[in-house]
Amino acid sequence: EYDVQAFGRPQRILVRTPLGPRGQLGAAL
């Protein structure tokens, strides 16, 4: 459930990193 009126329109950001050890970005997130 998400109330647009209360919290605003949902946003998206993209995080881009160079290829590195498998799971490096996932582990940080």
PDB file of all heavy atoms in Angstrom:
ATOM      1  N   GLU A   1       0.833  -1.195   0.000  1.00  0.00           N
ATOM      2  CA  GLU A   1       0.000   0.000   0.000  1.00  0.00           C
ATOM      3  C   GLU A   1       0.874   1.254   0.000  1.00  0.00           C
ATOM      4  O   GLU A   1       1.866   1.325   0.721  1.00  0.00           O
ATOM      5  CB  GLU A   1      -0.901   0.009   1.239  1.00  0.00           C
ATOM      6  CG  GLU A   1      -1.879  -1.167   1.301  1.00  0.00           C
ATOM      7  CD  GLU A   1      -2.924  -1.093   0.219  1.00  0.00           C
ATOM      8  OE1 GLU A   1      -3.277   0.033  -0.176  1.00  0.00           O
ATOM      9  OE2 GLU A   1      -3.388  -2.159  -0.241  1.00  0.00           O
ATOM     10  N   TYR A   2       0.492   2.205  -0.815  1.00  0.00           N
ATOM     11  CA  TYR A   2       1.266   3.445  -0.887  1.00  0.00           C
ATOM     12  C   TYR A   2       0.326   4.603  -1.162  1.00  0.00           C
ATOM     13  O   TYR A   2      -0.444   4.583  -2.134  1.00  0.00           O
ATOM     14  CB  TYR A   2       2.343   3.354  -1.969  1.00  0.00           C
ATOM     15  CG  TYR A   2       3.205   4.595  -2.054  1.00  0.00           C
ATOM     16  CD1 TYR A   2       4.160   4.862  -1.081  1.00  0.00           C
ATOM     17  CD2 TYR A   2       3.041   5.510  -3.094  1.00  0.00           C
ATOM     18  CE1 TYR A   2       4.943   6.010  -1.144  1.00  0.00           C
ATOM     19  CE2 TYR A   2       3.814   6.649  -3.173  1.00  0.00           C
ATOM     20  CZ  TYR A   2       4.768   6.898  -2.187  1.00  0.00           C
ATOM     21  OH  TYR A   2       5.532   8.027  -2.254  1.00  0.00           O
ATOM     22  N   ASP A   3       0.386   5.629  -0.320  1.00  0.00           N
ATOM     23  CA  ASP A   3      -0.475   6.811  -0.426  1.00  0.00           C
ATOM     24  C   ASP A   3       0.283   7.916  -1.166  1.00  0.00           C
ATOM     25  O   ASP A   3       1.164   8.575  -0.596  1.00  0.00           O
ATOM     26  CB  ASP A   3      -0.890   7.273   0.968  1.00  0.00           C
ATOM     27  CG  ASP A   3      -1.953   8.369   0.923  1.00  0.00           C
ATOM     28  OD1 ASP A   3      -2.125   8.990  -0.144  1.00  0.00           O
ATOM     29  OD2 ASP A   3      -2.598   8.612   1.961  1.00  0.00           O
ATOM     30  N   VAL A   4      -0.049   8.111  -2.438  1.00  0.00           N
ATOM     31  CA  VAL A   4       0.636   9.113  -3.245  1.00  0.00           C
ATOM     32  C   VAL A   4       0.373  10.512  -2.708  1.00  0.00           C
ATOM     33  O   VAL A   4       1.269  11.377  -2.708  1.00  0.00           O
ATOM     34  CB  VAL A   4       0.183   9.002  -4.720  1.00  0.00           C
ATOM     35  CG1 VAL A   4       0.813  10.109  -5.559  1.00  0.00           C
ATOM     36  CG2 VAL A   4       0.548   7.645  -5.282  1.00  0.00           C
ATOM     37  N   GLN A   5      -0.846  10.751  -2.238  1.00  0.00           N
ATOM     38  CA  GLN A   5      -1.181  12.078  -1.728  1.00  0.00           C
ATOM     39  C   GLN A   5      -0.335  12.439  -0.512  1.00  0.00           C
ATOM     40  O   GLN A   5       0.092  13.584  -0.343  1.00  0.00           O
ATOM     41  CB  GLN A   5      -2.673  12.122  -1.360  1.00  0.00           C
ATOM     42  CG  GLN A   5      -3.615  11.919  -2.537  1.00  0.00           C
ATOM     43  CD  GLN A   5      -3.487  13.026  -3.568  1.00  0.00           C
ATOM     44  OE1 GLN A   5      -3.225  14.182  -3.239  1.00  0.00           O
ATOM     45  NE2 GLN A   5      -3.648  12.667  -4.839  1.00  0.00           N
ATOM     46  N   ALA A   6      -0.057  11.451   0.337  1.00  0.00           N
ATOM     47  CA  ALA A   6       0.682  11.725   1.572  1.00  0.00           C
ATOM     48  C   ALA A   6       2.190  11.783   1.350  1.00  0.00           C
ATOM     49  O   ALA A   6       2.884  12.589   1.980  1.00  0.00           O
ATOM     50  CB  ALA A   6       0.346  10.673   2.630  1.00  0.00           C
ATOM     51  N   PHE A   7       2.710  10.923   0.468  1.00  0.00           N
ATOM     52  CA  PHE A   7       4.166  10.784   0.362  1.00  0.00           C
ATOM     53  C   PHE A   7       4.733  11.205  -0.983  1.00  0.00           C
ATOM     54  O   PHE A   7       5.940  11.139  -1.198  1.00  0.00           O
ATOM     55  CB  PHE A   7       4.564   9.320   0.644  1.00  0.00           C
ATOM     56  CG  PHE A   7       4.062   8.807   1.965  1.00  0.00           C
ATOM     57  CD1 PHE A   7       3.063   7.860   2.030  1.00  0.00           C
ATOM     58  CD2 PHE A   7       4.584   9.298   3.151  1.00  0.00           C
ATOM     59  CE1 PHE A   7       2.597   7.383   3.243  1.00  0.00           C
ATOM     60  CE2 PHE A   7       4.128   8.834   4.380  1.00  0.00           C
ATOM     61  CZ  PHE A   7       3.118   7.875   4.426  1.00  0.00           C
ATOM     62  N   GLY A   8       3.879  11.649  -1.895  1.00  0.00           N
ATOM     63  CA  GLY A   8       4.375  12.121  -3.174  1.00  0.00           C
ATOM     64  C   GLY A   8       4.517  11.005  -4.186  1.00  0.00           C
ATOM     65  O   GLY A   8       4.431   9.818  -3.874  1.00  0.00           O
ATOM     66  N   ARG A   9       4.741  11.406  -5.423  1.00  0.00           N
ATOM     67  CA  ARG A   9       4.879  10.436  -6.508  1.00  0.00           C
ATOM     68  C   ARG A   9       6.138   9.589  -6.306  1.00  0.00           C
ATOM     69  O   ARG A   9       7.207  10.126  -5.993  1.00  0.00           O
ATOM     70  CB  ARG A   9       4.955  11.179  -7.837  1.00  0.00           C
ATOM     71  CG  ARG A   9       4.987  10.279  -9.062  1.00  0.00           C
ATOM     72  CD  ARG A   9       4.918  11.100 -10.324  1.00  0.00           C
ATOM     73  NE  ARG A   9       3.600  11.712 -10.476  1.00  0.00           N
ATOM     74  CZ  ARG A   9       3.320  12.643 -11.378  1.00  0.00           C
ATOM     75  NH1 ARG A   9       4.271  13.095 -12.188  1.00  0.00           N
ATOM     76  NH2 ARG A   9       2.112  13.142 -11.473  1.00  0.00           N
ATOM     77  N   PRO A  10       6.037   8.264  -6.463  1.00  0.00           N
ATOM     78  CA  PRO A  10       7.224   7.409  -6.274  1.00  0.00           C
ATOM     79  C   PRO A  10       8.343   7.776  -7.232  1.00  0.00           C
ATOM     80  O   PRO A  10       8.099   8.165  -8.374  1.00  0.00           O
ATOM     81  CB  PRO A  10       6.687   6.004  -6.559  1.00  0.00           C
ATOM     82  CG  PRO A  10       5.219   6.094  -6.385  1.00  0.00           C
ATOM     83  CD  PRO A  10       4.834   7.490  -6.779  1.00  0.00           C
ATOM     84  N   GLN A  11       9.565   7.655  -6.759  1.00  0.00           N
ATOM     85  CA  GLN A  11      10.754   8.022  -7.527  1.00  0.00           C
ATOM     86  C   GLN A  11      11.620   6.790  -7.793  1.00  0.00           C
ATOM     87  O   GLN A  11      11.464   5.752  -7.154  1.00  0.00           O
ATOM     88  CB  GLN A  11      11.572   9.070  -6.768  1.00  0.00           C
ATOM     89  CG  GLN A  11      10.803  10.342  -6.433  1.00  0.00           C
ATOM     90  CD  GLN A  11      10.531  11.184  -7.647  1.00  0.00           C
ATOM     91  OE1 GLN A  11      11.445  11.667  -8.304  1.00  0.00           O
ATOM     92  NE2 GLN A  11       9.250  11.350  -7.972  1.00  0.00           N
ATOM     93  N   ARG A  12      12.534   6.944  -8.719  1.00  0.00           N
ATOM     94  CA  ARG A  12      13.512   5.887  -9.012  1.00  0.00           C
ATOM     95  C   ARG A  12      14.880   6.514  -9.204  1.00  0.00           C
ATOM     96  O   ARG A  12      15.022   7.547  -9.853  1.00  0.00           O
ATOM     97  CB  ARG A  12      13.131   5.115 -10.272  1.00  0.00           C
ATOM     98  CG  ARG A  12      14.284   4.262 -10.850  1.00  0.00           C
ATOM     99  CD  ARG A  12      13.838   3.359 -11.968  1.00  0.00           C
ATOM    100  NE  ARG A  12      13.011   2.275 -11.464  1.00  0.00           N
ATOM    101  CZ  ARG A  12      12.516   1.287 -12.233  1.00  0.00           C
ATOM    102  NH1 ARG A  12      12.777   1.280 -13.530  1.00  0.00           N
ATOM    103  NH2 ARG A  12      11.769   0.341 -11.707  1.00  0.00           N
ATOM    104  N   ILE A  13      15.882   5.871  -8.625  1.00  0.00           N
ATOM    105  CA  ILE A  13      17.268   6.193  -8.947  1.00  0.00           C
ATOM    106  C   ILE A  13      17.939   4.925  -9.460  1.00  0.00           C
ATOM    107  O   ILE A  13      17.528   3.807  -9.126  1.00  0.00           O
ATOM    108  CB  ILE A  13      18.057   6.753  -7.741  1.00  0.00           C
ATOM    109  CG1 ILE A  13      18.197   5.697  -6.645  1.00  0.00           C
ATOM    110  CG2 ILE A  13      17.446   8.022  -7.207  1.00  0.00           C
ATOM    111  CD1 ILE A  13      19.235   6.055  -5.617  1.00  0.00           C
ATOM    112  N   LEU A  14      18.937   5.117 -10.286  1.00  0.00           N
ATOM    113  CA  LEU A  14      19.734   4.010 -10.789  1.00  0.00           C
ATOM    114  C   LEU A  14      21.153   4.159 -10.265  1.00  0.00           C
ATOM    115  O   LEU A  14      21.730   5.247 -10.320  1.00  0.00           O
ATOM    116  CB  LEU A  14      19.744   3.991 -12.316  1.00  0.00           C
ATOM    117  CG  LEU A  14      18.386   3.750 -13.002  1.00  0.00           C
ATOM    118  CD1 LEU A  14      18.538   3.901 -14.508  1.00  0.00           C
ATOM    119  CD2 LEU A  14      17.845   2.375 -12.657  1.00  0.00           C
ATOM    120  N   VAL A  15      21.686   3.066  -9.747  1.00  0.00           N
ATOM    121  CA  VAL A  15      23.065   3.033  -9.268  1.00  0.00           C
ATOM    122  C   VAL A  15      23.860   2.168 -10.233  1.00  0.00           C
ATOM    123  O   VAL A  15      23.527   1.000 -10.462  1.00  0.00           O
ATOM    124  CB  VAL A  15      23.153   2.450  -7.843  1.00  0.00           C
ATOM    125  CG1 VAL A  15      24.604   2.459  -7.369  1.00  0.00           C
ATOM    126  CG2 VAL A  15      22.260   3.224  -6.892  1.00  0.00           C
ATOM    127  N   ARG A  16      24.899   2.751 -10.817  1.00  0.00           N
ATOM    128  CA  ARG A  16      25.695   2.050 -11.816  1.00  0.00           C
ATOM    129  C   ARG A  16      27.130   1.923 -11.317  1.00  0.00           C
ATOM    130  O   ARG A  16      27.738   2.918 -10.907  1.00  0.00           O
ATOM    131  CB  ARG A  16      25.639   2.809 -13.139  1.00  0.00           C
ATOM    132  CG  ARG A  16      26.419   2.181 -14.266  1.00  0.00           C
ATOM    133  CD  ARG A  16      25.983   2.718 -15.616  1.00  0.00           C
ATOM    134  NE  ARG A  16      26.119   4.166 -15.747  1.00  0.00           N
ATOM    135  CZ  ARG A  16      25.679   4.855 -16.796  1.00  0.00           C
ATOM    136  NH1 ARG A  16      25.064   4.226 -17.792  1.00  0.00           N
ATOM    137  NH2 ARG A  16      25.850   6.164 -16.864  1.00  0.00           N
ATOM    138  N   THR A  17      27.674   0.701 -11.337  1.00  0.00           N
ATOM    139  CA  THR A  17      29.046   0.471 -10.893  1.00  0.00           C
ATOM    140  C   THR A  17      29.786  -0.372 -11.927  1.00  0.00           C
ATOM    141  O   THR A  17      29.168  -1.173 -12.641  1.00  0.00           O
ATOM    142  CB  THR A  17      29.096  -0.261  -9.534  1.00  0.00           C
ATOM    143  OG1 THR A  17      28.555  -1.583  -9.688  1.00  0.00           O
ATOM    144  CG2 THR A  17      28.304   0.498  -8.484  1.00  0.00           C
ATOM    145  N   PRO A  18      31.095  -0.225 -12.020  1.00  0.00           N
ATOM    146  CA  PRO A  18      31.862  -1.100 -12.924  1.00  0.00           C
ATOM    147  C   PRO A  18      31.758  -2.550 -12.466  1.00  0.00           C
ATOM    148  O   PRO A  18      31.495  -2.841 -11.301  1.00  0.00           O
ATOM    149  CB  PRO A  18      33.301  -0.566 -12.792  1.00  0.00           C
ATOM    150  CG  PRO A  18      33.175   0.786 -12.179  1.00  0.00           C
ATOM    151  CD  PRO A  18      31.949   0.765 -11.335  1.00  0.00           C
ATOM    152  N   LEU A  19      31.956  -3.472 -13.411  1.00  0.00           N
ATOM    153  CA  LEU A  19      31.957  -4.888 -13.051  1.00  0.00           C
ATOM    154  C   LEU A  19      33.082  -5.151 -12.057  1.00  0.00           C
ATOM    155  O   LEU A  19      34.212  -4.694 -12.232  1.00  0.00           O
ATOM    156  CB  LEU A  19      32.147  -5.761 -14.292  1.00  0.00           C
ATOM    157  CG  LEU A  19      30.979  -5.809 -15.293  1.00  0.00           C
ATOM    158  CD1 LEU A  19      31.333  -6.722 -16.457  1.00  0.00           C
ATOM    159  CD2 LEU A  19      29.704  -6.277 -14.618  1.00  0.00           C
ATOM    160  N   GLY A  20      32.756  -5.880 -11.018  1.00  0.00           N
ATOM    161  CA  GLY A  20      33.742  -6.210  -9.993  1.00  0.00           C
ATOM    162  C   GLY A  20      33.446  -7.576  -9.433  1.00  0.00           C
ATOM    163  O   GLY A  20      32.804  -8.406 -10.086  1.00  0.00           O
ATOM    164  N   PRO A  21      33.896  -7.855  -8.217  1.00  0.00           N
ATOM    165  CA  PRO A  21      33.596  -9.146  -7.597  1.00  0.00           C
ATOM    166  C   PRO A  21      32.096  -9.401  -7.564  1.00  0.00           C
ATOM    167  O   PRO A  21      31.300  -8.499  -7.318  1.00  0.00           O
ATOM    168  CB  PRO A  21      34.176  -9.001  -6.184  1.00  0.00           C
ATOM    169  CG  PRO A  21      35.232  -7.945  -6.313  1.00  0.00           C
ATOM    170  CD  PRO A  21      34.728  -7.003  -7.364  1.00  0.00           C
ATOM    171  N   ARG A  22      31.700 -10.644  -7.815  1.00  0.00           N
ATOM    172  CA  ARG A  22      30.284 -11.001  -7.849  1.00  0.00           C
ATOM    173  C   ARG A  22      29.616 -10.636  -6.527  1.00  0.00           C
ATOM    174  O   ARG A  22      30.093 -10.998  -5.454  1.00  0.00           O
ATOM    175  CB  ARG A  22      30.143 -12.495  -8.111  1.00  0.00           C
ATOM    176  CG  ARG A  22      28.701 -12.987  -8.141  1.00  0.00           C
ATOM    177  CD  ARG A  22      28.672 -14.485  -8.358  1.00  0.00           C
ATOM    178  NE  ARG A  22      27.344 -15.022  -8.194  1.00  0.00           N
ATOM    179  CZ  ARG A  22      26.446 -15.122  -9.166  1.00  0.00           C
ATOM    180  NH1 ARG A  22      26.751 -14.716 -10.371  1.00  0.00           N
ATOM    181  NH2 ARG A  22      25.254 -15.644  -8.940  1.00  0.00           N
ATOM    182  N   GLY A  23      28.520  -9.924  -6.601  1.00  0.00           N
ATOM    183  CA  GLY A  23      27.753  -9.601  -5.406  1.00  0.00           C
ATOM    184  C   GLY A  23      28.221  -8.372  -4.664  1.00  0.00           C
ATOM    185  O   GLY A  23      27.676  -8.052  -3.605  1.00  0.00           O
ATOM    186  N   GLN A  24      29.198  -7.639  -5.186  1.00  0.00           N
ATOM    187  CA  GLN A  24      29.729  -6.482  -4.473  1.00  0.00           C
ATOM    188  C   GLN A  24      28.657  -5.402  -4.293  1.00  0.00           C
ATOM    189  O   GLN A  24      28.452  -4.891  -3.190  1.00  0.00           O
ATOM    190  CB  GLN A  24      30.933  -5.920  -5.227  1.00  0.00           C
ATOM    191  CG  GLN A  24      31.664  -4.807  -4.492  1.00  0.00           C
ATOM    192  CD  GLN A  24      32.870  -4.307  -5.273  1.00  0.00           C
ATOM    193  OE1 GLN A  24      32.818  -4.192  -6.496  1.00  0.00           O
ATOM    194  NE2 GLN A  24      33.953  -4.014  -4.582  1.00  0.00           N
ATOM    195  N   LEU A  25      27.949  -5.065  -5.373  1.00  0.00           N
ATOM    196  CA  LEU A  25      26.900  -4.052  -5.280  1.00  0.00           C
ATOM    197  C   LEU A  25      25.737  -4.570  -4.438  1.00  0.00           C
ATOM    198  O   LEU A  25      25.196  -3.850  -3.589  1.00  0.00           O
ATOM    199  CB  LEU A  25      26.417  -3.667  -6.680  1.00  0.00           C
ATOM    200  CG  LEU A  25      25.242  -2.672  -6.748  1.00  0.00           C
ATOM    201  CD1 LEU A  25      25.591  -1.367  -6.049  1.00  0.00           C
ATOM    202  CD2 LEU A  25      24.838  -2.421  -8.197  1.00  0.00           C
ATOM    203  N   GLY A  26      25.338  -5.815  -4.655  1.00  0.00           N
ATOM    204  CA  GLY A  26      24.238  -6.390  -3.898  1.00  0.00           C
ATOM    205  C   GLY A  26      24.514  -6.428  -2.411  1.00  0.00           C
ATOM    206  O   GLY A  26      23.625  -6.155  -1.590  1.00  0.00           O
ATOM    207  N   ALA A  27      25.744  -6.759  -2.034  1.00  0.00           N
ATOM    208  CA  ALA A  27      26.096  -6.818  -0.613  1.00  0.00           C
ATOM    209  C   ALA A  27      25.987  -5.442   0.033  1.00  0.00           C
ATOM    210  O   ALA A  27      25.520  -5.316   1.175  1.00  0.00           O
ATOM    211  CB  ALA A  27      27.509  -7.375  -0.452  1.00  0.00           C
ATOM    212  N   ALA A  28      26.402  -4.398  -0.693  1.00  0.00           N
ATOM    213  CA  ALA A  28      26.310  -3.046  -0.146  1.00  0.00           C
ATOM    214  C   ALA A  28      24.856  -2.630   0.051  1.00  0.00           C
ATOM    215  O   ALA A  28      24.487  -2.053   1.086  1.00  0.00           O
ATOM    216  CB  ALA A  28      27.019  -2.063  -1.082  1.00  0.00           C
ATOM    217  N   LEU A  29      24.020  -2.938  -0.907  1.00  0.00           N
ATOM    218  CA  LEU A  29      22.606  -2.599  -0.794  1.00  0.00           C
ATOM    219  C   LEU A  29      21.918  -3.430   0.284  1.00  0.00           C
ATOM    220  O   LEU A  29      21.027  -2.948   0.996  1.00  0.00           O
ATOM    221  CB  LEU A  29      21.916  -2.803  -2.141  1.00  0.00           C
ATOM    222  CG  LEU A  29      22.418  -1.913  -3.289  1.00  0.00           C
ATOM    223  CD1 LEU A  29      21.803  -2.335  -4.610  1.00  0.00           C
ATOM    224  CD2 LEU A  29      22.122  -0.449  -3.006  1.00  0.00           C
TER     225      LEU A  29
END
